[in-house]
Amino acid sequence: MFRVVLLSLTTLTVLSVQEVSAKELTKAEITCLTRNAYFEARNQGEKGILATVFVVLNRTKDSRFPSSTCKVISQPSQFSWYGKGKVVKDHKTYKEIEGLVREVVSGKHRDITKGSTHFHTTKVKPSWRNNLTKTVKIGDHVFYKWGD
């Protein structure tokens, strides 16, 4: 992994490429990530919420997907909630998830999905899972990445 070193007179900060690109997210992209995590994982605990955020971020770094979080999330048939007129009802939980998203953006959390770009609930068995490598199960979600 490439590293970026920022020097100042008093500190040396080393940021991974992931952290640098995450810091460049717009307010709209943070909102997209928050809404996606809310609708996909609000009942999955902190690890499950973080995992869904990292899946989207991992996709933005993969040439098979769009490079912005909002475009990743709005791709047809990628996330079960998208395009169905869903409305945030639990504003307290939404704000908590937004806080977690901002922590990810600031570099506080590491990718617990091991680079996953896909996930599904244990209630379904999508055929695409057979073409990917399972990385981890968190809550009711199973995570996968490309095998290449």
Protein backbone atom coordinates (compact mmCIF):
# COMPACT_ATOMS: atom_id res chain seq x y z
CA MET A 1 0.00 0.00 0.00
CA PHE A 2 1.24 3.47 -0.84
CA ARG A 3 1.58 5.93 2.00
CA VAL A 4 1.40 9.70 2.02
CA VAL A 5 3.60 11.51 4.52
CA LEU A 6 2.63 14.99 5.66
CA LEU A 7 5.25 17.00 7.51
CA SER A 8 4.76 19.96 9.78
CA LEU A 9 7.12 21.58 12.23
CA THR A 10 5.75 19.65 15.17
CA THR A 11 4.22 16.41 13.87
CA LEU A 12 4.65 13.67 11.33
CA THR A 13 1.42 12.17 10.08
CA VAL A 14 1.29 9.03 7.94
CA LEU A 15 -1.99 8.41 6.16
CA SER A 16 -2.91 5.39 4.11
CA VAL A 17 -4.31 5.93 0.61
CA GLN A 18 -7.68 4.86 1.98
CA GLU A 19 -7.61 7.63 4.58
CA VAL A 20 -6.54 10.27 2.08
CA SER A 21 -9.33 9.44 -0.35
CA ALA A 22 -11.88 9.21 2.46
CA LYS A 23 -10.97 12.73 3.64
CA GLU A 24 -11.91 14.06 0.21
CA LEU A 25 -15.58 13.07 0.49
CA THR A 26 -18.13 15.79 -0.02
CA LYS A 27 -21.03 16.50 2.31
CA ALA A 28 -23.35 14.86 -0.25
CA GLU A 29 -21.20 11.71 -0.29
CA ILE A 30 -21.27 11.54 3.50
CA THR A 31 -25.06 11.83 3.35
CA CYS A 32 -25.21 9.03 0.76
CA LEU A 33 -23.03 6.79 2.94
CA THR A 34 -25.10 7.60 6.03
CA ARG A 35 -28.42 6.88 4.31
CA ASN A 36 -27.10 3.63 2.87
CA ALA A 37 -25.75 2.44 6.22
CA TYR A 38 -29.01 3.46 7.92
CA PHE A 39 -31.23 1.53 5.54
CA GLU A 40 -28.91 -1.46 5.08
CA ALA A 41 -27.51 -1.96 8.57
CA ARG A 42 -29.11 0.14 11.30
CA ASN A 43 -30.04 -3.06 13.16
CA GLN A 44 -26.59 -4.65 12.77
CA GLY A 45 -24.67 -2.87 15.51
CA GLU A 46 -21.60 -0.69 15.09
CA LYS A 47 -19.50 -3.32 13.29
CA GLY A 48 -22.27 -4.05 10.80
CA ILE A 49 -22.78 -0.37 10.09
CA LEU A 50 -19.05 0.21 9.62
CA ALA A 51 -18.84 -2.82 7.33
CA THR A 52 -21.51 -1.49 4.97
CA VAL A 53 -19.72 1.86 4.84
CA PHE A 54 -16.44 0.15 3.93
CA VAL A 55 -18.09 -1.91 1.18
CA VAL A 56 -19.14 1.31 -0.55
CA LEU A 57 -15.73 2.92 -0.03
CA ASN A 58 -14.02 -0.21 -1.34
CA ARG A 59 -16.18 -0.09 -4.44
CA THR A 60 -15.17 3.52 -5.12
CA LYS A 61 -11.55 2.32 -5.38
CA ASP A 62 -12.40 -0.57 -7.72
CA SER A 63 -12.48 0.21 -11.45
CA ARG A 64 -15.51 -2.08 -11.87
CA PHE A 65 -17.61 0.48 -9.97
CA PRO A 66 -18.16 4.25 -10.09
CA SER A 67 -15.65 6.36 -8.18
CA SER A 68 -18.14 8.30 -6.03
CA THR A 69 -20.10 6.92 -3.10
CA CYS A 70 -23.42 8.30 -4.33
CA LYS A 71 -22.96 6.75 -7.77
CA VAL A 72 -22.02 3.39 -6.23
CA ILE A 73 -25.12 3.44 -4.05
CA SER A 74 -27.47 4.54 -6.84
CA GLN A 75 -26.42 1.81 -9.27
CA PRO A 76 -29.45 -0.30 -10.19
CA SER A 77 -30.14 -3.34 -8.00
CA GLN A 78 -27.11 -2.88 -5.76
CA PHE A 79 -28.71 -1.93 -2.45
CA SER A 80 -32.14 -3.19 -1.47
CA TRP A 81 -33.49 0.10 -0.14
CA TYR A 82 -32.43 2.44 -2.93
CA GLY A 83 -35.11 3.93 -5.16
CA LYS A 84 -38.00 2.72 -3.03
CA GLY A 85 -38.94 6.03 -1.43
CA LYS A 86 -37.54 5.11 1.98
CA VAL A 87 -37.71 7.83 4.62
CA VAL A 88 -35.54 8.11 7.74
CA LYS A 89 -37.82 7.59 10.74
CA ASP A 90 -35.36 7.15 13.60
CA HIS A 91 -33.43 10.42 13.54
CA LYS A 92 -31.40 9.57 16.66
CA THR A 93 -30.05 6.40 15.03
CA TYR A 94 -29.44 8.28 11.78
CA LYS A 95 -27.32 10.88 13.62
CA GLU A 96 -25.37 8.11 15.38
CA ILE A 97 -24.67 6.46 12.02
CA GLU A 98 -23.62 9.80 10.56
CA GLY A 99 -21.14 10.08 13.43
CA LEU A 100 -19.70 6.66 12.57
CA VAL A 101 -19.43 7.64 8.89
CA ARG A 102 -17.55 10.80 9.87
CA GLU A 103 -15.24 8.70 12.07
CA VAL A 104 -14.48 6.48 9.07
CA VAL A 105 -13.81 9.56 6.96
CA SER A 106 -11.43 10.89 9.61
CA GLY A 107 -9.50 7.60 9.63
CA LYS A 108 -10.60 6.41 13.08
CA HIS A 109 -11.74 2.98 11.83
CA ARG A 110 -10.02 0.32 9.74
CA ASP A 111 -11.75 -1.84 7.16
CA ILE A 112 -13.09 -4.85 9.06
CA THR A 113 -14.42 -6.40 5.83
CA LYS A 114 -10.95 -7.27 4.51
CA GLY A 115 -11.56 -5.31 1.30
CA SER A 116 -15.09 -6.53 0.60
CA THR A 117 -17.07 -5.05 -2.26
CA HIS A 118 -20.26 -7.06 -1.79
CA PHE A 119 -22.54 -8.26 0.98
CA HIS A 120 -25.95 -9.82 1.45
CA THR A 121 -28.23 -10.70 4.31
CA THR A 122 -28.22 -14.30 5.50
CA LYS A 123 -31.90 -14.46 4.49
CA VAL A 124 -30.96 -14.67 0.80
CA LYS A 125 -28.45 -16.61 -1.28
CA PRO A 126 -27.69 -14.54 -4.38
CA SER A 127 -26.05 -16.39 -7.25
CA TRP A 128 -23.27 -13.78 -7.54
CA ARG A 129 -21.80 -14.98 -4.24
CA ASN A 130 -20.44 -18.08 -6.00
CA ASN A 131 -18.08 -15.91 -8.06
CA LEU A 132 -16.57 -14.10 -5.06
CA THR A 133 -14.49 -14.95 -2.00
CA LYS A 134 -16.24 -14.84 1.38
CA THR A 135 -14.31 -12.63 3.80
CA VAL A 136 -16.36 -12.29 6.98
CA LYS A 137 -19.83 -12.57 8.52
CA ILE A 138 -20.96 -9.66 10.68
CA GLY A 139 -24.41 -9.80 12.22
CA ASP A 140 -26.91 -10.89 9.58
CA HIS A 141 -24.64 -9.95 6.67
CA VAL A 142 -22.04 -11.99 4.78
CA PHE A 143 -19.25 -10.05 3.04
CA TYR A 144 -17.31 -10.91 -0.12
CA LYS A 145 -14.55 -9.62 -2.35
CA TRP A 146 -13.24 -10.43 -5.80
CA GLY A 147 -10.83 -13.33 -5.86
CA ASP A 148 -8.36 -11.66 -8.18
